[in-house]
């Protein structure tokens, strides 16, 4: 596939211009040397030129990220109820209170920089790049960050051991790319993927996703446990009757209590987490389109479109359509066709 600059760049190959750094003195040129830094950290000697825009670190919370945080509150309340109920089994009371307080504070721990490596390695199962992988990443990442006016050393680079084509923006300062994408994408398309993930970071989406995920876990575990009970009851009829009878009596008691005392707050409290995933998925799709927009503003609109067309030719939208209306309603990513159309409108509007 030809890149937008007219060079013949086949998947898995990097052009000489993309591989060679600028000469560093009279003896400059030749093959680039291995960076003198820890894999996964940006090599200082390969940093942006002095004429680059001033670094602009920090996070600007986008509308989808703010909406995701707000929509995560019902699940957090459910989780708080689950943790409080479990903590109530312990005595004395200070032990129960300590359990609840520790759970609340645990969400703050996940945003501490010291835990970032742990989250990347064990929660997202990422690894640090090898020296050769770091060489490829540094060159592309430096180009993207120079265009965006950010310090490339502000972020950590990771590799996901996968044969899929994907990237990830991990909460903290981490950007990941799959091994297949790193080894096979042409340089311009690799930069487009990295620019998309940088767009997620600039909008605060990784932070919002991780916080909502963390505080929703106790509630989701309880829902999964209930679902497992009903599946078990379906295989064992006698046990199924007991399970259905228990939940039916509990529901009837709640309804009777509401009719007598006129308090229906529990109904909204119980149903809201089941309704939240629909708008939450919609805002997540908007966040993906906004990240595509950032890549377009950095000059990678046509490269992103070419990349998405490649994914479309592999049938990824076919699998999405096979999931039906339910899959479309709860999908966290737009269809490839929607992303392509949005970027094509952007290129037509900006004549880029």
Protein backbone atom coordinates (compact mmCIF):
# COMPACT_ATOMS: atom_id res chain seq x y z
CA UNK A 1 0.00 0.00 0.00
CA UNK A 2 1.31 3.44 -0.85
CA UNK A 3 1.59 5.90 1.98
CA UNK A 4 0.35 9.41 1.61
CA UNK A 5 3.84 10.78 0.99
CA UNK A 6 4.17 8.73 -2.20
CA UNK A 7 6.75 6.22 -0.94
CA UNK A 8 6.26 2.56 -1.73
CA UNK A 9 5.77 1.16 1.77
CA UNK A 10 4.64 -2.42 1.97
CA UNK A 11 3.23 -3.91 5.18
CA UNK A 12 6.11 -5.04 7.34
CA UNK A 13 8.65 -2.72 5.71
CA UNK A 14 9.94 0.69 6.71
CA UNK A 15 11.41 3.10 4.23
CA UNK A 16 14.94 4.35 4.59
CA UNK A 17 13.70 7.84 5.43
CA UNK A 18 11.57 6.45 8.23
CA UNK A 19 14.33 4.30 9.67
CA UNK A 20 17.31 6.64 9.58
CA UNK A 21 17.56 9.38 12.20
CA UNK A 22 19.05 12.72 11.37
CA UNK A 23 22.90 12.76 11.25
CA UNK A 24 24.44 13.66 14.59
CA UNK A 25 27.67 15.24 13.48
CA UNK A 26 30.23 14.86 10.70
CA UNK A 27 30.10 11.08 10.94
CA UNK A 28 26.31 10.95 10.99
CA UNK A 29 24.19 8.63 8.91
CA UNK A 30 24.30 4.89 8.73
CA UNK A 31 22.11 2.47 10.63
CA UNK A 32 20.61 3.84 13.83
CA UNK A 33 22.24 2.67 17.02
CA UNK A 34 20.41 0.85 19.77
CA UNK A 35 18.95 3.41 22.18
CA UNK A 36 20.68 3.83 25.50
CA UNK A 37 17.54 3.66 27.60
CA UNK A 38 15.23 1.19 29.22
CA UNK A 39 12.87 -0.50 26.74
CA UNK A 40 9.51 1.20 26.91
CA UNK A 41 10.86 4.64 27.75
CA UNK A 42 11.53 7.26 25.12
CA UNK A 43 15.17 7.65 24.27
CA UNK A 44 16.32 11.19 25.16
CA UNK A 45 18.74 11.39 22.26
CA UNK A 46 15.86 10.75 19.89
CA UNK A 47 13.68 13.46 21.37
CA UNK A 48 11.89 16.12 19.33
CA UNK A 49 13.84 18.84 17.61
CA UNK A 50 14.38 22.12 19.42
CA UNK A 51 12.01 23.85 17.01
CA UNK A 52 9.10 21.64 18.08
CA UNK A 53 6.12 23.27 19.81
CA UNK A 54 6.42 23.57 23.58
CA UNK A 55 5.35 20.43 25.46
CA UNK A 56 1.71 20.41 26.53
CA UNK A 57 1.25 17.61 29.01
CA UNK A 58 -1.87 17.08 31.01
CA UNK A 59 -5.37 15.80 30.42
CA UNK A 60 -8.44 17.67 29.24
CA UNK A 61 -11.53 15.78 30.27
CA UNK A 62 -13.69 15.39 27.17
CA UNK A 63 -17.48 15.18 27.18
CA UNK A 64 -17.50 11.36 26.63
CA UNK A 65 -15.03 10.89 29.50
CA UNK A 66 -17.07 13.07 31.86
CA UNK A 67 -20.25 11.24 30.83
CA UNK A 68 -18.59 7.88 31.46
CA UNK A 69 -17.66 8.95 34.98
CA UNK A 70 -21.21 10.13 35.71
CA UNK A 71 -22.78 7.00 34.24
CA UNK A 72 -20.48 4.87 36.37
CA UNK A 73 -22.01 6.24 39.58
CA UNK A 74 -24.98 3.78 39.66
CA UNK A 75 -22.65 0.80 39.35
CA UNK A 76 -20.43 2.30 42.05
CA UNK A 77 -23.46 2.61 44.35
CA UNK A 78 -24.36 -1.00 43.70
CA UNK A 79 -20.79 -1.99 44.47
CA UNK A 80 -20.86 0.08 47.65
CA UNK A 81 -24.00 -1.81 48.72
CA UNK A 82 -22.35 -5.17 48.02
CA UNK A 83 -19.14 -4.27 49.89
CA UNK A 84 -21.12 -2.83 52.82
CA UNK A 85 -23.26 -5.99 53.05
CA UNK A 86 -20.23 -8.25 53.04
CA UNK A 87 -18.41 -6.04 55.56
CA UNK A 88 -21.43 -6.20 57.89
CA UNK A 89 -20.71 -9.91 58.44
CA UNK A 90 -17.56 -9.00 60.34
CA UNK A 91 -17.29 -7.79 63.88
CA UNK A 92 -16.43 -5.57 65.67
CA UNK A 93 -17.85 -2.60 63.82
CA UNK A 94 -14.48 -0.95 63.21
CA UNK A 95 -13.45 -3.95 61.09
CA UNK A 96 -16.55 -3.53 58.90
CA UNK A 97 -15.92 0.17 58.57
CA UNK A 98 -12.27 -0.43 57.69
CA UNK A 99 -13.24 -2.80 54.87
CA UNK A 100 -15.56 -0.22 53.32
CA UNK A 101 -13.02 2.60 53.68
CA UNK A 102 -10.24 0.49 52.15
CA UNK A 103 -12.44 -0.34 49.16
CA UNK A 104 -13.25 3.33 48.60
CA UNK A 105 -9.58 4.30 48.82
CA UNK A 106 -8.51 1.43 46.56
CA UNK A 107 -9.91 3.31 43.58
CA UNK A 108 -7.47 6.12 44.27
CA UNK A 109 -4.55 3.69 44.26
CA UNK A 110 -5.13 2.77 40.61
CA UNK A 111 -4.42 6.34 39.53
CA UNK A 112 -1.13 6.59 41.48
CA UNK A 113 1.80 6.58 39.01
CA UNK A 114 3.63 3.93 41.05
CA UNK A 115 0.94 1.39 40.20
CA UNK A 116 0.98 2.13 36.46
CA UNK A 117 3.48 -0.60 35.56
CA UNK A 118 1.56 -3.14 37.63
CA UNK A 119 -1.70 -2.26 35.88
CA UNK A 120 -0.11 -2.44 32.43
CA UNK A 121 1.62 -5.78 33.06
CA UNK A 122 -0.98 -7.70 35.02
CA UNK A 123 -4.34 -6.09 34.26
CA UNK A 124 -3.79 -5.40 30.55
CA UNK A 125 -1.08 -8.09 30.08
CA UNK A 126 1.35 -5.84 28.25
CA UNK A 127 5.11 -6.19 28.03
CA UNK A 128 7.98 -3.79 27.58
CA UNK A 129 9.29 -3.57 24.00
CA UNK A 130 12.58 -5.09 22.96
CA UNK A 131 15.33 -2.76 21.80
CA UNK A 132 14.42 -3.22 18.12
CA UNK A 133 10.74 -2.73 18.85
CA UNK A 134 11.59 0.36 20.88
CA UNK A 135 13.57 1.67 17.89
CA UNK A 136 10.50 1.41 15.65
CA UNK A 137 8.20 2.85 18.28
CA UNK A 138 10.50 5.76 19.14
CA UNK A 139 10.72 6.92 15.54
CA UNK A 140 6.96 6.84 14.98
CA UNK A 141 6.08 8.12 18.45
CA UNK A 142 8.54 11.01 18.16
CA UNK A 143 6.91 12.08 14.90
CA UNK A 144 3.40 11.97 16.37
CA UNK A 145 4.34 13.80 19.57
CA UNK A 146 6.24 16.50 17.65
CA UNK A 147 3.14 17.17 15.58
CA UNK A 148 0.98 17.26 18.73
CA UNK A 149 3.40 19.49 20.63
CA UNK A 150 3.84 17.07 23.53
CA UNK A 151 6.94 15.61 25.14
CA UNK A 152 7.25 11.97 23.96
CA UNK A 153 9.01 11.09 27.21
CA UNK A 154 5.82 11.90 29.14
CA UNK A 155 4.31 8.58 27.98
CA UNK A 156 5.41 4.95 28.36
CA UNK A 157 5.39 2.60 25.38
CA UNK A 158 4.24 -1.01 25.66
CA UNK A 159 3.64 -3.97 23.36
CA UNK A 160 0.65 -6.32 23.47
CA UNK A 161 1.58 -9.86 22.49
CA UNK A 162 -1.18 -10.33 19.93
CA UNK A 163 -1.62 -11.10 16.24
CA UNK A 164 -4.49 -8.63 15.94
CA UNK A 165 -4.26 -5.07 14.62
CA UNK A 166 -4.87 -2.79 17.55
CA UNK A 167 -3.54 -0.18 19.93
CA UNK A 168 -4.49 0.80 23.45
CA UNK A 169 -4.35 3.87 25.66
CA UNK A 170 -3.87 2.65 29.22
CA UNK A 171 -4.70 4.79 32.24
CA UNK A 172 -1.67 6.69 33.39
CA UNK A 173 0.88 7.55 30.75
CA UNK A 174 0.96 4.28 28.80
CA UNK A 175 0.43 3.66 25.11
CA UNK A 176 0.39 0.12 23.74
CA UNK A 177 0.50 -1.37 20.26
CA UNK A 178 0.08 -5.01 19.26
CA UNK A 179 3.12 -6.93 18.07
CA UNK A 180 1.50 -7.60 14.68
CA UNK A 181 0.71 -3.95 14.09
CA UNK A 182 4.22 -2.90 15.09
CA UNK A 183 5.88 -5.40 12.77
CA UNK A 184 3.56 -5.16 9.76
CA UNK A 185 1.98 -1.72 9.47
CA UNK A 186 3.65 0.83 7.19
CA UNK A 187 5.19 3.74 9.12
CA UNK A 188 2.45 6.26 8.32
CA UNK A 189 -0.32 3.88 9.40
CA UNK A 190 1.61 2.96 12.56
CA UNK A 191 1.84 6.67 13.35
CA UNK A 192 -1.90 7.01 12.69
CA UNK A 193 -2.67 4.27 15.24
CA UNK A 194 -0.41 5.92 17.80
CA UNK A 195 -2.00 9.31 17.11
CA UNK A 196 -5.43 7.77 17.75
CA UNK A 197 -4.28 6.45 21.14
CA UNK A 198 -2.74 9.83 21.97
CA UNK A 199 -6.17 11.32 21.24
CA UNK A 200 -7.66 9.04 23.91
CA UNK A 201 -5.10 10.24 26.44
CA UNK A 202 -5.69 13.89 25.62
CA UNK A 203 -9.40 13.42 26.31
CA UNK A 204 -8.92 11.60 29.62
CA UNK A 205 -10.74 8.51 28.36
CA UNK A 206 -8.32 5.88 29.82
CA UNK A 207 -8.61 7.36 33.32
CA UNK A 208 -12.41 7.41 33.19
CA UNK A 209 -12.61 3.85 31.87
CA UNK A 210 -10.31 2.45 34.55
CA UNK A 211 -12.10 4.20 37.44
CA UNK A 212 -15.54 3.08 36.24
CA UNK A 213 -14.25 -0.47 35.70
CA UNK A 214 -12.68 -0.62 39.16
CA UNK A 215 -15.61 0.68 41.20
CA UNK A 216 -18.11 -1.44 39.23
CA UNK A 217 -16.37 -4.75 39.96
CA UNK A 218 -18.17 -5.77 43.21
CA UNK A 219 -21.56 -5.04 41.65
CA UNK A 220 -20.70 -6.87 38.44
CA UNK A 221 -19.41 -9.85 40.40
CA UNK A 222 -22.72 -10.03 42.27
CA UNK A 223 -24.68 -9.90 39.00
CA UNK A 224 -22.44 -12.62 37.53
CA UNK A 225 -23.01 -14.75 40.63
CA UNK A 226 -26.78 -14.40 40.27
CA UNK A 227 -26.60 -15.27 36.58
CA UNK A 228 -24.52 -18.34 37.41
CA UNK A 229 -27.16 -19.42 39.96
CA UNK A 230 -29.91 -19.19 37.36
CA UNK A 231 -27.83 -21.18 34.86
CA UNK A 232 -27.22 -23.83 37.50
CA UNK A 233 -30.92 -23.85 38.33
CA UNK A 234 -31.71 -24.45 34.68
CA UNK A 235 -29.64 -27.64 34.76
CA UNK A 236 -30.96 -28.84 38.15
CA UNK A 237 -34.77 -28.37 38.24
CA UNK A 238 -35.16 -28.82 42.00
CA UNK A 239 -32.47 -26.23 42.75
CA UNK A 240 -33.92 -23.96 40.08
CA UNK A 241 -37.28 -23.91 41.85
CA UNK A 242 -35.59 -22.90 45.11
CA UNK A 243 -33.62 -20.11 43.44
CA UNK A 244 -36.59 -18.72 41.52
CA UNK A 245 -38.77 -18.92 44.63
CA UNK A 246 -36.21 -17.03 46.73
CA UNK A 247 -35.84 -14.16 44.25
CA UNK A 248 -39.60 -14.04 43.63
CA UNK A 249 -40.34 -13.74 47.35
CA UNK A 250 -37.62 -11.09 47.75
CA UNK A 251 -39.06 -9.05 44.87
CA UNK A 252 -42.60 -9.42 46.21
CA UNK A 253 -41.44 -8.22 49.63
CA UNK A 254 -39.82 -5.11 48.12
CA UNK A 255 -42.95 -4.29 46.12
CA UNK A 256 -45.20 -4.78 49.17
CA UNK A 257 -42.91 -2.56 51.26
CA UNK A 258 -43.08 0.16 48.60
CA UNK A 259 -46.87 -0.04 48.35
CA UNK A 260 -47.26 0.28 52.12
CA UNK A 261 -44.73 3.05 52.76
CA UNK A 262 -44.83 4.67 49.32
CA UNK A 263 -41.07 4.49 48.84
CA UNK A 264 -40.21 3.48 45.27
CA UNK A 265 -36.59 4.68 45.31
CA UNK A 266 -35.37 1.09 45.37
CA UNK A 267 -36.89 0.49 41.92
CA UNK A 268 -34.74 3.12 40.25
CA UNK A 269 -31.74 2.04 42.30
CA UNK A 270 -32.20 -1.56 41.17
CA UNK A 271 -32.94 -0.88 37.49
CA UNK A 272 -30.55 1.98 36.77
CA UNK A 273 -27.36 -0.13 36.43
CA UNK A 274 -29.11 -2.27 33.82
CA UNK A 275 -30.02 0.82 31.79
CA UNK A 276 -26.66 2.59 32.13
CA UNK A 277 -24.68 0.35 29.72
CA UNK A 278 -26.65 1.65 26.72
CA UNK A 279 -25.73 5.37 27.02
CA UNK A 280 -22.30 4.34 28.34
CA UNK A 281 -21.63 2.41 25.14
CA UNK A 282 -22.85 5.36 23.05
CA UNK A 283 -20.41 7.77 24.73
CA UNK A 284 -17.64 5.22 24.31
CA UNK A 285 -18.31 5.18 20.57
CA UNK A 286 -18.18 8.98 20.57
CA UNK A 287 -14.79 8.82 22.31
CA UNK A 288 -13.47 6.61 19.50
CA UNK A 289 -14.64 9.10 16.87
CA UNK A 290 -13.03 11.94 18.82
CA UNK A 291 -9.74 10.03 18.94
CA UNK A 292 -9.97 9.54 15.17
CA UNK A 293 -10.53 13.28 14.87
CA UNK A 294 -7.34 13.97 16.82
CA UNK A 295 -5.41 11.70 14.45
CA UNK A 296 -6.92 13.63 11.54
CA UNK A 297 -5.95 16.98 13.04
CA UNK A 298 -2.38 15.72 13.36
CA UNK A 299 -2.31 14.98 9.63
CA UNK A 300 -3.18 11.27 9.65
CA UNK A 301 -6.77 11.36 8.40
CA UNK A 302 -6.07 9.66 5.06
CA UNK A 303 -3.70 7.14 6.66
CA UNK A 304 -6.34 6.25 9.24
CA UNK A 305 -8.92 5.85 6.47
CA UNK A 306 -6.59 3.52 4.56
CA UNK A 307 -5.98 1.53 7.73
CA UNK A 308 -9.72 1.23 8.43
CA UNK A 309 -10.40 0.12 4.86
CA UNK A 310 -7.83 -2.66 5.35
CA UNK A 311 -9.65 -3.78 8.49
CA UNK A 312 -12.97 -3.62 6.67
CA UNK A 313 -11.64 -5.81 3.86
CA UNK A 314 -10.81 -8.44 6.48
CA UNK A 315 -14.50 -8.71 7.38
CA UNK A 316 -14.51 -7.09 10.82
CA UNK A 317 -17.74 -5.21 10.12
CA UNK A 318 -19.35 -8.49 8.98
CA UNK A 319 -18.80 -9.99 12.43
CA UNK A 320 -20.22 -6.83 13.98
CA UNK A 321 -23.37 -7.04 11.84
CA UNK A 322 -23.81 -10.71 12.76
CA UNK A 323 -24.22 -9.67 16.41
CA UNK A 324 -27.54 -8.01 15.48
CA UNK A 325 -29.24 -5.05 17.14
CA UNK A 326 -28.14 -6.07 20.63
CA UNK A 327 -24.49 -6.09 19.60
CA UNK A 328 -24.88 -2.69 17.94
CA UNK A 329 -26.63 -1.25 21.01
CA UNK A 330 -23.95 -2.31 23.49
CA UNK A 331 -20.90 -1.97 21.21
CA UNK A 332 -18.15 0.24 22.61
CA UNK A 333 -16.68 0.97 19.16
CA UNK A 334 -18.40 2.41 16.09
CA UNK A 335 -18.53 0.34 12.95
CA UNK A 336 -15.57 0.75 10.64
CA UNK A 337 -17.93 2.23 8.04
CA UNK A 338 -19.03 4.93 10.51
CA UNK A 339 -15.44 5.78 11.35
CA UNK A 340 -14.50 5.95 7.68
CA UNK A 341 -17.46 8.18 6.80
CA UNK A 342 -16.68 10.53 9.69
CA UNK A 343 -13.05 10.90 8.63
CA UNK A 344 -14.01 11.30 4.97
CA UNK A 345 -16.32 14.17 5.92
CA UNK A 346 -13.45 15.67 7.90
CA UNK A 347 -11.04 15.48 4.94
CA UNK A 348 -13.65 17.00 2.63
CA UNK A 349 -14.35 19.83 5.08
CA UNK A 350 -10.70 20.65 5.64
CA UNK A 351 -9.56 19.73 2.12
CA UNK A 352 -6.71 17.77 3.69
